[in-house]
């Protein structure tokens, strides 16, 4: 699991069912989100299988820290705004 975070002001047109559902429920694509990247599937593994697979033992160990960072990013967006949170939490390229 890669420790990648991105904060976005607008949802792209990525074909992610969860985002389509949220946008449909809200009636807009204009909302903030914290995106936590998981890296790329190894070899020729189907991306859907990679995303939906169980976490490995090593990933489960890292998960509380990753979720803590994501929660901190959400809190900073709410208290200091998107730009400040982006400057602090975006993973280096």
PDB file of N, CA and C in Angstrom:
ATOM      1  N   UNK A   1       0.855  -1.165   0.000  1.00  0.00           N
ATOM      2  CA  UNK A   1       0.000   0.000   0.000  1.00  0.00           C
ATOM      3  C   UNK A   1       0.897   1.222   0.000  1.00  0.00           C
ATOM      4  N   UNK A   2       0.698   2.104  -0.940  1.00  0.00           N
ATOM      5  CA  UNK A   2       1.473   3.324  -1.018  1.00  0.00           C
ATOM      6  C   UNK A   2       0.800   4.389  -0.163  1.00  0.00           C
ATOM      7  N   UNK A   3       1.604   5.179   0.492  1.00  0.00           N
ATOM      8  CA  UNK A   3       1.085   6.245   1.336  1.00  0.00           C
ATOM      9  C   UNK A   3       0.954   7.502   0.488  1.00  0.00           C
ATOM     10  N   UNK A   4      -0.074   7.550  -0.350  1.00  0.00           N
ATOM     11  CA  UNK A   4      -0.299   8.683  -1.230  1.00  0.00           C
ATOM     12  C   UNK A   4      -1.607   9.343  -0.852  1.00  0.00           C
ATOM     13  N   UNK A   5      -1.561  10.678  -0.755  1.00  0.00           N
ATOM     14  CA  UNK A   5      -2.779  11.411  -0.439  1.00  0.00           C
ATOM     15  C   UNK A   5      -2.916  12.548  -1.428  1.00  0.00           C
ATOM     16  N   UNK A   6      -4.126  12.801  -1.850  1.00  0.00           N
ATOM     17  CA  UNK A   6      -4.413  13.932  -2.711  1.00  0.00           C
ATOM     18  C   UNK A   6      -5.713  14.544  -2.259  1.00  0.00           C
ATOM     19  N   UNK A   7      -5.740  15.845  -2.146  1.00  0.00           N
ATOM     20  CA  UNK A   7      -6.965  16.559  -1.810  1.00  0.00           C
ATOM     21  C   UNK A   7      -7.402  17.309  -3.052  1.00  0.00           C
ATOM     22  N   UNK A   8      -8.659  17.156  -3.407  1.00  0.00           N
ATOM     23  CA  UNK A   8      -9.147  17.752  -4.640  1.00  0.00           C
ATOM     24  C   UNK A   8     -10.381  18.589  -4.384  1.00  0.00           C
ATOM     25  N   UNK A   9     -10.465  19.678  -5.142  1.00  0.00           N
ATOM     26  CA  UNK A   9     -11.610  20.566  -4.997  1.00  0.00           C
ATOM     27  C   UNK A   9     -12.780  20.114  -5.856  1.00  0.00           C
ATOM     28  N   UNK A  10     -12.522  19.318  -6.861  1.00  0.00           N
ATOM     29  CA  UNK A  10     -13.577  18.904  -7.768  1.00  0.00           C
ATOM     30  C   UNK A  10     -13.330  17.455  -8.160  1.00  0.00           C
ATOM     31  N   UNK A  11     -14.386  16.729  -8.325  1.00  0.00           N
ATOM     32  CA  UNK A  11     -14.266  15.322  -8.687  1.00  0.00           C
ATOM     33  C   UNK A  11     -14.041  15.221 -10.184  1.00  0.00           C
ATOM     34  N   UNK A  12     -13.059  14.443 -10.585  1.00  0.00           N
ATOM     35  CA  UNK A  12     -12.824  14.228 -12.010  1.00  0.00           C
ATOM     36  C   UNK A  12     -13.866  13.256 -12.547  1.00  0.00           C
ATOM     37  N   UNK A  13     -13.783  12.990 -13.814  1.00  0.00           N
ATOM     38  CA  UNK A  13     -14.744  12.081 -14.427  1.00  0.00           C
ATOM     39  C   UNK A  13     -14.251  10.638 -14.380  1.00  0.00           C
ATOM     40  N   UNK A  14     -13.427  10.328 -13.373  1.00  0.00           N
ATOM     41  CA  UNK A  14     -12.921   8.964 -13.251  1.00  0.00           C
ATOM     42  C   UNK A  14     -14.096   8.009 -13.058  1.00  0.00           C
ATOM     43  N   UNK A  15     -14.025   6.840 -13.677  1.00  0.00           N
ATOM     44  CA  UNK A  15     -15.151   5.898 -13.593  1.00  0.00           C
ATOM     45  C   UNK A  15     -15.150   5.105 -12.282  1.00  0.00           C
ATOM     46  N   UNK A  16     -15.374   5.793 -11.195  1.00  0.00           N
ATOM     47  CA  UNK A  16     -15.392   5.147  -9.890  1.00  0.00           C
ATOM     48  C   UNK A  16     -16.826   5.142  -9.405  1.00  0.00           C
ATOM     49  N   UNK A  17     -17.390   3.962  -9.214  1.00  0.00           N
ATOM     50  CA  UNK A  17     -18.803   3.854  -8.865  1.00  0.00           C
ATOM     51  C   UNK A  17     -19.158   4.617  -7.601  1.00  0.00           C
ATOM     52  N   UNK A  18     -18.309   4.584  -6.599  1.00  0.00           N
ATOM     53  CA  UNK A  18     -18.593   5.284  -5.356  1.00  0.00           C
ATOM     54  C   UNK A  18     -18.726   6.787  -5.568  1.00  0.00           C
ATOM     55  N   UNK A  19     -17.846   7.356  -6.418  1.00  0.00           N
ATOM     56  CA  UNK A  19     -17.924   8.787  -6.686  1.00  0.00           C
ATOM     57  C   UNK A  19     -19.167   9.127  -7.492  1.00  0.00           C
ATOM     58  N   UNK A  20     -19.516   8.247  -8.429  1.00  0.00           N
ATOM     59  CA  UNK A  20     -20.758   8.479  -9.191  1.00  0.00           C
ATOM     60  C   UNK A  20     -21.952   8.478  -8.261  1.00  0.00           C
ATOM     61  N   UNK A  21     -21.962   7.548  -7.310  1.00  0.00           N
ATOM     62  CA  UNK A  21     -23.070   7.447  -6.363  1.00  0.00           C
ATOM     63  C   UNK A  21     -23.144   8.687  -5.475  1.00  0.00           C
ATOM     64  N   UNK A  22     -21.997   9.147  -4.975  1.00  0.00           N
ATOM     65  CA  UNK A  22     -21.972  10.342  -4.129  1.00  0.00           C
ATOM     66  C   UNK A  22     -22.447  11.556  -4.924  1.00  0.00           C
ATOM     67  N   UNK A  23     -21.920  11.735  -6.136  1.00  0.00           N
ATOM     68  CA  UNK A  23     -22.313  12.870  -6.973  1.00  0.00           C
ATOM     69  C   UNK A  23     -23.800  12.838  -7.276  1.00  0.00           C
ATOM     70  N   UNK A  24     -24.320  11.655  -7.545  1.00  0.00           N
ATOM     71  CA  UNK A  24     -25.749  11.513  -7.819  1.00  0.00           C
ATOM     72  C   UNK A  24     -26.572  11.875  -6.587  1.00  0.00           C
ATOM     73  N   UNK A  25     -26.155  11.394  -5.430  1.00  0.00           N
ATOM     74  CA  UNK A  25     -26.892  11.675  -4.190  1.00  0.00           C
ATOM     75  C   UNK A  25     -26.858  13.155  -3.832  1.00  0.00           C
ATOM     76  N   UNK A  26     -25.700  13.799  -4.058  1.00  0.00           N
ATOM     77  CA  UNK A  26     -25.565  15.215  -3.738  1.00  0.00           C
ATOM     78  C   UNK A  26     -26.160  16.114  -4.817  1.00  0.00           C
ATOM     79  N   UNK A  27     -26.290  15.564  -6.017  1.00  0.00           N
ATOM     80  CA  UNK A  27     -26.791  16.361  -7.132  1.00  0.00           C
ATOM     81  C   UNK A  27     -25.746  17.304  -7.700  1.00  0.00           C
ATOM     82  N   UNK A  28     -24.474  17.050  -7.407  1.00  0.00           N
ATOM     83  CA  UNK A  28     -23.380  17.889  -7.894  1.00  0.00           C
ATOM     84  C   UNK A  28     -22.073  17.104  -7.846  1.00  0.00           C
ATOM     85  N   UNK A  29     -21.123  17.545  -8.665  1.00  0.00           N
ATOM     86  CA  UNK A  29     -19.764  17.005  -8.587  1.00  0.00           C
ATOM     87  C   UNK A  29     -18.842  17.996  -7.874  1.00  0.00           C
ATOM     88  N   UNK A  30     -19.437  19.054  -7.358  1.00  0.00           N
ATOM     89  CA  UNK A  30     -18.682  20.135  -6.737  1.00  0.00           C
ATOM     90  C   UNK A  30     -18.597  19.923  -5.228  1.00  0.00           C
ATOM     91  N   UNK A  31     -17.660  19.098  -4.795  1.00  0.00           N
ATOM     92  CA  UNK A  31     -17.420  18.847  -3.382  1.00  0.00           C
ATOM     93  C   UNK A  31     -15.968  18.457  -3.189  1.00  0.00           C
ATOM     94  N   UNK A  32     -15.486  18.634  -1.981  1.00  0.00           N
ATOM     95  CA  UNK A  32     -14.099  18.292  -1.668  1.00  0.00           C
ATOM     96  C   UNK A  32     -13.998  16.816  -1.324  1.00  0.00           C
ATOM     97  N   UNK A  33     -12.833  16.245  -1.586  1.00  0.00           N
ATOM     98  CA  UNK A  33     -12.608  14.861  -1.180  1.00  0.00           C
ATOM     99  C   UNK A  33     -11.141  14.656  -0.857  1.00  0.00           C
ATOM    100  N   UNK A  34     -10.894  13.709   0.019  1.00  0.00           N
ATOM    101  CA  UNK A  34      -9.535  13.277   0.325  1.00  0.00           C
ATOM    102  C   UNK A  34      -9.369  11.920  -0.326  1.00  0.00           C
ATOM    103  N   UNK A  35      -8.388  11.811  -1.175  1.00  0.00           N
ATOM    104  CA  UNK A  35      -8.138  10.584  -1.913  1.00  0.00           C
ATOM    105  C   UNK A  35      -6.883   9.931  -1.336  1.00  0.00           C
ATOM    106  N   UNK A  36      -6.982   8.665  -1.018  1.00  0.00           N
ATOM    107  CA  UNK A  36      -5.841   7.914  -0.504  1.00  0.00           C
ATOM    108  C   UNK A  36      -5.488   6.865  -1.547  1.00  0.00           C
ATOM    109  N   UNK A  37      -4.321   7.010  -2.143  1.00  0.00           N
ATOM    110  CA  UNK A  37      -3.903   6.102  -3.207  1.00  0.00           C
ATOM    111  C   UNK A  37      -3.387   4.783  -2.664  1.00  0.00           C
ATOM    112  N   UNK A  38      -3.553   3.749  -3.455  1.00  0.00           N
ATOM    113  CA  UNK A  38      -3.101   2.422  -3.052  1.00  0.00           C
ATOM    114  C   UNK A  38      -2.045   1.872  -3.995  1.00  0.00           C
ATOM    115  N   UNK A  39      -1.573   2.696  -4.900  1.00  0.00           N
ATOM    116  CA  UNK A  39      -0.556   2.246  -5.829  1.00  0.00           C
ATOM    117  C   UNK A  39      -1.163   1.509  -7.011  1.00  0.00           C
ATOM    118  N   UNK A  40      -0.323   0.847  -7.758  1.00  0.00           N
ATOM    119  CA  UNK A  40      -0.751   0.124  -8.961  1.00  0.00           C
ATOM    120  C   UNK A  40      -0.716  -1.376  -8.714  1.00  0.00           C
ATOM    121  N   UNK A  41      -1.597  -2.110  -9.392  1.00  0.00           N
ATOM    122  CA  UNK A  41      -1.581  -3.565  -9.244  1.00  0.00           C
ATOM    123  C   UNK A  41      -0.279  -4.147  -9.800  1.00  0.00           C
ATOM    124  N   UNK A  42       0.193  -5.202  -9.173  1.00  0.00           N
ATOM    125  CA  UNK A  42       1.420  -5.831  -9.674  1.00  0.00           C
ATOM    126  C   UNK A  42       1.172  -6.573 -10.986  1.00  0.00           C
ATOM    127  N   UNK A  43       2.173  -6.538 -11.842  1.00  0.00           N
ATOM    128  CA  UNK A  43       2.107  -7.296 -13.095  1.00  0.00           C
ATOM    129  C   UNK A  43       0.862  -7.001 -13.900  1.00  0.00           C
ATOM    130  N   UNK A  44       0.178  -8.059 -14.274  1.00  0.00           N
ATOM    131  CA  UNK A  44      -1.035  -7.926 -15.091  1.00  0.00           C
ATOM    132  C   UNK A  44      -2.306  -8.155 -14.288  1.00  0.00           C
ATOM    133  N   UNK A  45      -2.202  -7.983 -12.977  1.00  0.00           N
ATOM    134  CA  UNK A  45      -3.366  -8.175 -12.116  1.00  0.00           C
ATOM    135  C   UNK A  45      -4.474  -7.193 -12.499  1.00  0.00           C
ATOM    136  N   UNK A  46      -5.693  -7.678 -12.539  1.00  0.00           N
ATOM    137  CA  UNK A  46      -6.854  -6.844 -12.838  1.00  0.00           C
ATOM    138  C   UNK A  46      -6.965  -5.761 -11.768  1.00  0.00           C
ATOM    139  N   UNK A  47      -7.034  -4.481 -12.164  1.00  0.00           N
ATOM    140  CA  UNK A  47      -7.129  -3.401 -11.177  1.00  0.00           C
ATOM    141  C   UNK A  47      -8.309  -3.566 -10.214  1.00  0.00           C
ATOM    142  N   UNK A  48      -9.440  -4.052 -10.694  1.00  0.00           N
ATOM    143  CA  UNK A  48     -10.597  -4.253  -9.810  1.00  0.00           C
ATOM    144  C   UNK A  48     -10.272  -5.293  -8.746  1.00  0.00           C
ATOM    145  N   UNK A  49      -9.605  -6.366  -9.122  1.00  0.00           N
ATOM    146  CA  UNK A  49      -9.217  -7.392  -8.148  1.00  0.00           C
ATOM    147  C   UNK A  49      -8.238  -6.823  -7.123  1.00  0.00           C
ATOM    148  N   UNK A  50      -7.329  -5.966  -7.600  1.00  0.00           N
ATOM    149  CA  UNK A  50      -6.337  -5.360  -6.711  1.00  0.00           C
ATOM    150  C   UNK A  50      -7.015  -4.460  -5.686  1.00  0.00           C
ATOM    151  N   UNK A  51      -7.933  -3.632  -6.137  1.00  0.00           N
ATOM    152  CA  UNK A  51      -8.617  -2.691  -5.249  1.00  0.00           C
ATOM    153  C   UNK A  51      -9.494  -3.419  -4.236  1.00  0.00           C
ATOM    154  N   UNK A  52     -10.131  -4.510  -4.653  1.00  0.00           N
ATOM    155  CA  UNK A  52     -11.097  -5.197  -3.800  1.00  0.00           C
ATOM    156  C   UNK A  52     -10.489  -6.313  -2.950  1.00  0.00           C
ATOM    157  N   UNK A  53      -9.213  -6.591  -3.117  1.00  0.00           N
ATOM    158  CA  UNK A  53      -8.589  -7.673  -2.352  1.00  0.00           C
ATOM    159  C   UNK A  53      -8.435  -7.284  -0.889  1.00  0.00           C
ATOM    160  N   UNK A  54      -8.260  -8.275  -0.028  1.00  0.00           N
ATOM    161  CA  UNK A  54      -8.001  -8.019   1.390  1.00  0.00           C
ATOM    162  C   UNK A  54      -6.618  -7.396   1.555  1.00  0.00           C
ATOM    163  N   UNK A  55      -6.454  -6.599   2.597  1.00  0.00           N
ATOM    164  CA  UNK A  55      -5.148  -6.038   2.895  1.00  0.00           C
ATOM    165  C   UNK A  55      -4.208  -7.144   3.359  1.00  0.00           C
ATOM    166  N   UNK A  56      -2.937  -7.015   2.997  1.00  0.00           N
ATOM    167  CA  UNK A  56      -1.921  -7.944   3.501  1.00  0.00           C
ATOM    168  C   UNK A  56      -1.659  -7.614   4.974  1.00  0.00           C
ATOM    169  N   UNK A  57      -0.923  -8.491   5.650  1.00  0.00           N
ATOM    170  CA  UNK A  57      -0.579  -8.252   7.060  1.00  0.00           C
ATOM    171  C   UNK A  57       0.203  -6.946   7.204  1.00  0.00           C
ATOM    172  N   UNK A  58       1.140  -6.696   6.306  1.00  0.00           N
ATOM    173  CA  UNK A  58       1.940  -5.470   6.362  1.00  0.00           C
ATOM    174  C   UNK A  58       1.057  -4.242   6.132  1.00  0.00           C
ATOM    175  N   UNK A  59       0.109  -4.341   5.198  1.00  0.00           N
ATOM    176  CA  UNK A  59      -0.797  -3.223   4.928  1.00  0.00           C
ATOM    177  C   UNK A  59      -1.728  -2.966   6.114  1.00  0.00           C
ATOM    178  N   UNK A  60      -2.197  -4.028   6.744  1.00  0.00           N
ATOM    179  CA  UNK A  60      -3.059  -3.864   7.927  1.00  0.00           C
ATOM    180  C   UNK A  60      -2.315  -3.150   9.050  1.00  0.00           C
ATOM    181  N   UNK A  61      -1.026  -3.414   9.160  1.00  0.00           N
ATOM    182  CA  UNK A  61      -0.210  -2.781  10.197  1.00  0.00           C
ATOM    183  C   UNK A  61      -0.055  -1.280   9.918  1.00  0.00           C
ATOM    184  N   UNK A  62       0.036  -0.905   8.660  1.00  0.00           N
ATOM    185  CA  UNK A  62       0.223   0.486   8.242  1.00  0.00           C
ATOM    186  C   UNK A  62      -1.099   1.266   8.192  1.00  0.00           C
ATOM    187  N   UNK A  63      -2.204   0.574   8.060  1.00  0.00           N
ATOM    188  CA  UNK A  63      -3.514   1.201   7.849  1.00  0.00           C
ATOM    189  C   UNK A  63      -3.902   2.235   8.908  1.00  0.00           C
ATOM    190  N   UNK A  64      -3.717   1.983  10.207  1.00  0.00           N
ATOM    191  CA  UNK A  64      -4.103   3.004  11.189  1.00  0.00           C
ATOM    192  C   UNK A  64      -3.384   4.347  10.986  1.00  0.00           C
ATOM    193  N   UNK A  65      -2.133   4.304  10.570  1.00  0.00           N
ATOM    194  CA  UNK A  65      -1.372   5.531  10.340  1.00  0.00           C
ATOM    195  C   UNK A  65      -1.892   6.264   9.103  1.00  0.00           C
ATOM    196  N   UNK A  66      -2.184   5.506   8.055  1.00  0.00           N
ATOM    197  CA  UNK A  66      -2.709   6.081   6.819  1.00  0.00           C
ATOM    198  C   UNK A  66      -4.084   6.708   7.054  1.00  0.00           C
ATOM    199  N   UNK A  67      -4.938   6.014   7.796  1.00  0.00           N
ATOM    200  CA  UNK A  67      -6.263   6.546   8.112  1.00  0.00           C
ATOM    201  C   UNK A  67      -6.166   7.765   9.022  1.00  0.00           C
ATOM    202  N   UNK A  68      -5.210   7.752   9.943  1.00  0.00           N
ATOM    203  CA  UNK A  68      -4.983   8.907  10.803  1.00  0.00           C
ATOM    204  C   UNK A  68      -4.573  10.128   9.994  1.00  0.00           C
ATOM    205  N   UNK A  69      -3.673   9.927   9.018  1.00  0.00           N
ATOM    206  CA  UNK A  69      -3.266  11.029   8.140  1.00  0.00           C
ATOM    207  C   UNK A  69      -4.462  11.557   7.343  1.00  0.00           C
ATOM    208  N   UNK A  70      -5.290  10.655   6.840  1.00  0.00           N
ATOM    209  CA  UNK A  70      -6.465  11.069   6.062  1.00  0.00           C
ATOM    210  C   UNK A  70      -7.426  11.868   6.947  1.00  0.00           C
ATOM    211  N   UNK A  71      -7.641  11.419   8.180  1.00  0.00           N
ATOM    212  CA  UNK A  71      -8.519  12.140   9.111  1.00  0.00           C
ATOM    213  C   UNK A  71      -7.934  13.514   9.432  1.00  0.00           C
ATOM    214  N   UNK A  72      -6.610  13.592   9.621  1.00  0.00           N
ATOM    215  CA  UNK A  72      -5.964  14.885   9.876  1.00  0.00           C
ATOM    216  C   UNK A  72      -6.136  15.816   8.682  1.00  0.00           C
ATOM    217  N   UNK A  73      -6.046  15.268   7.464  1.00  0.00           N
ATOM    218  CA  UNK A  73      -6.225  16.077   6.255  1.00  0.00           C
ATOM    219  C   UNK A  73      -7.642  16.635   6.184  1.00  0.00           C
ATOM    220  N   UNK A  74      -8.638  15.811   6.491  1.00  0.00           N
ATOM    221  CA  UNK A  74     -10.032  16.274   6.486  1.00  0.00           C
ATOM    222  C   UNK A  74     -10.213  17.382   7.515  1.00  0.00           C
ATOM    223  N   UNK A  75      -9.667  17.183   8.709  1.00  0.00           N
ATOM    224  CA  UNK A  75      -9.786  18.203   9.756  1.00  0.00           C
ATOM    225  C   UNK A  75      -9.146  19.515   9.319  1.00  0.00           C
ATOM    226  N   UNK A  76      -7.983  19.431   8.665  1.00  0.00           N
ATOM    227  CA  UNK A  76      -7.311  20.652   8.228  1.00  0.00           C
ATOM    228  C   UNK A  76      -8.090  21.350   7.121  1.00  0.00           C
ATOM    229  N   UNK A  77      -8.692  20.589   6.209  1.00  0.00           N
ATOM    230  CA  UNK A  77      -9.534  21.196   5.182  1.00  0.00           C
ATOM    231  C   UNK A  77     -10.659  21.987   5.846  1.00  0.00           C
ATOM    232  N   UNK A  78     -11.268  21.404   6.861  1.00  0.00           N
ATOM    233  CA  UNK A  78     -12.400  22.051   7.534  1.00  0.00           C
ATOM    234  C   UNK A  78     -11.979  23.265   8.361  1.00  0.00           C
ATOM    235  N   UNK A  79     -10.792  23.227   8.953  1.00  0.00           N
ATOM    236  CA  UNK A  79     -10.382  24.317   9.843  1.00  0.00           C
ATOM    237  C   UNK A  79      -9.524  25.382   9.167  1.00  0.00           C
ATOM    238  N   UNK A  80      -8.736  24.997   8.151  1.00  0.00           N
ATOM    239  CA  UNK A  80      -7.794  25.939   7.535  1.00  0.00           C
ATOM    240  C   UNK A  80      -7.970  26.087   6.029  1.00  0.00           C
ATOM    241  N   UNK A  81      -8.843  25.278   5.429  1.00  0.00           N
ATOM    242  CA  UNK A  81      -9.094  25.391   3.996  1.00  0.00           C
ATOM    243  C   UNK A  81      -8.302  24.402   3.163  1.00  0.00           C
ATOM    244  N   UNK A  82      -8.758  24.265   1.919  1.00  0.00           N
ATOM    245  CA  UNK A  82      -8.181  23.289   1.002  1.00  0.00           C
ATOM    246  C   UNK A  82      -6.716  23.563   0.687  1.00  0.00           C
ATOM    247  N   UNK A  83      -6.383  24.802   0.383  1.00  0.00           N
ATOM    248  CA  UNK A  83      -5.012  25.113  -0.027  1.00  0.00           C
ATOM    249  C   UNK A  83      -4.007  24.765   1.064  1.00  0.00           C
ATOM    250  N   UNK A  84      -4.291  25.143   2.292  1.00  0.00           N
ATOM    251  CA  UNK A  84      -3.379  24.831   3.408  1.00  0.00           C
ATOM    252  C   UNK A  84      -3.233  23.325   3.575  1.00  0.00           C
ATOM    253  N   UNK A  85      -4.338  22.600   3.462  1.00  0.00           N
ATOM    254  CA  UNK A  85      -4.278  21.138   3.602  1.00  0.00           C
ATOM    255  C   UNK A  85      -3.499  20.513   2.458  1.00  0.00           C
ATOM    256  N   UNK A  86      -3.690  21.012   1.246  1.00  0.00           N
ATOM    257  CA  UNK A  86      -2.944  20.486   0.101  1.00  0.00           C
ATOM    258  C   UNK A  86      -1.458  20.692   0.299  1.00  0.00           C
ATOM    259  N   UNK A  87      -1.068  21.869   0.764  1.00  0.00           N
ATOM    260  CA  UNK A  87       0.356  22.165   0.958  1.00  0.00           C
ATOM    261  C   UNK A  87       0.975  21.260   2.019  1.00  0.00           C
ATOM    262  N   UNK A  88       0.204  20.894   3.023  1.00  0.00           N
ATOM    263  CA  UNK A  88       0.754  20.051   4.079  1.00  0.00           C
ATOM    264  C   UNK A  88       0.717  18.564   3.750  1.00  0.00           C
ATOM    265  N   UNK A  89      -0.350  18.100   3.116  1.00  0.00           N
ATOM    266  CA  UNK A  89      -0.568  16.664   3.022  1.00  0.00           C
ATOM    267  C   UNK A  89      -0.281  16.022   1.676  1.00  0.00           C
ATOM    268  N   UNK A  90      -0.115  16.778   0.619  1.00  0.00           N
ATOM    269  CA  UNK A  90       0.151  16.118  -0.649  1.00  0.00           C
ATOM    270  C   UNK A  90       1.464  15.355  -0.582  1.00  0.00           C
ATOM    271  N   UNK A  91       1.404  14.106  -0.992  1.00  0.00           N
ATOM    272  CA  UNK A  91       2.616  13.284  -1.028  1.00  0.00           C
ATOM    273  C   UNK A  91       3.540  13.832  -2.100  1.00  0.00           C
ATOM    274  N   UNK A  92       4.847  13.761  -1.883  1.00  0.00           N
ATOM    275  CA  UNK A  92       5.778  14.233  -2.918  1.00  0.00           C
ATOM    276  C   UNK A  92       5.620  13.426  -4.195  1.00  0.00           C
ATOM    277  N   UNK A  93       5.786  14.101  -5.311  1.00  0.00           N
ATOM    278  CA  UNK A  93       5.630  13.438  -6.622  1.00  0.00           C
ATOM    279  C   UNK A  93       6.774  12.509  -6.905  1.00  0.00           C
TER     280      UNK A  93
END
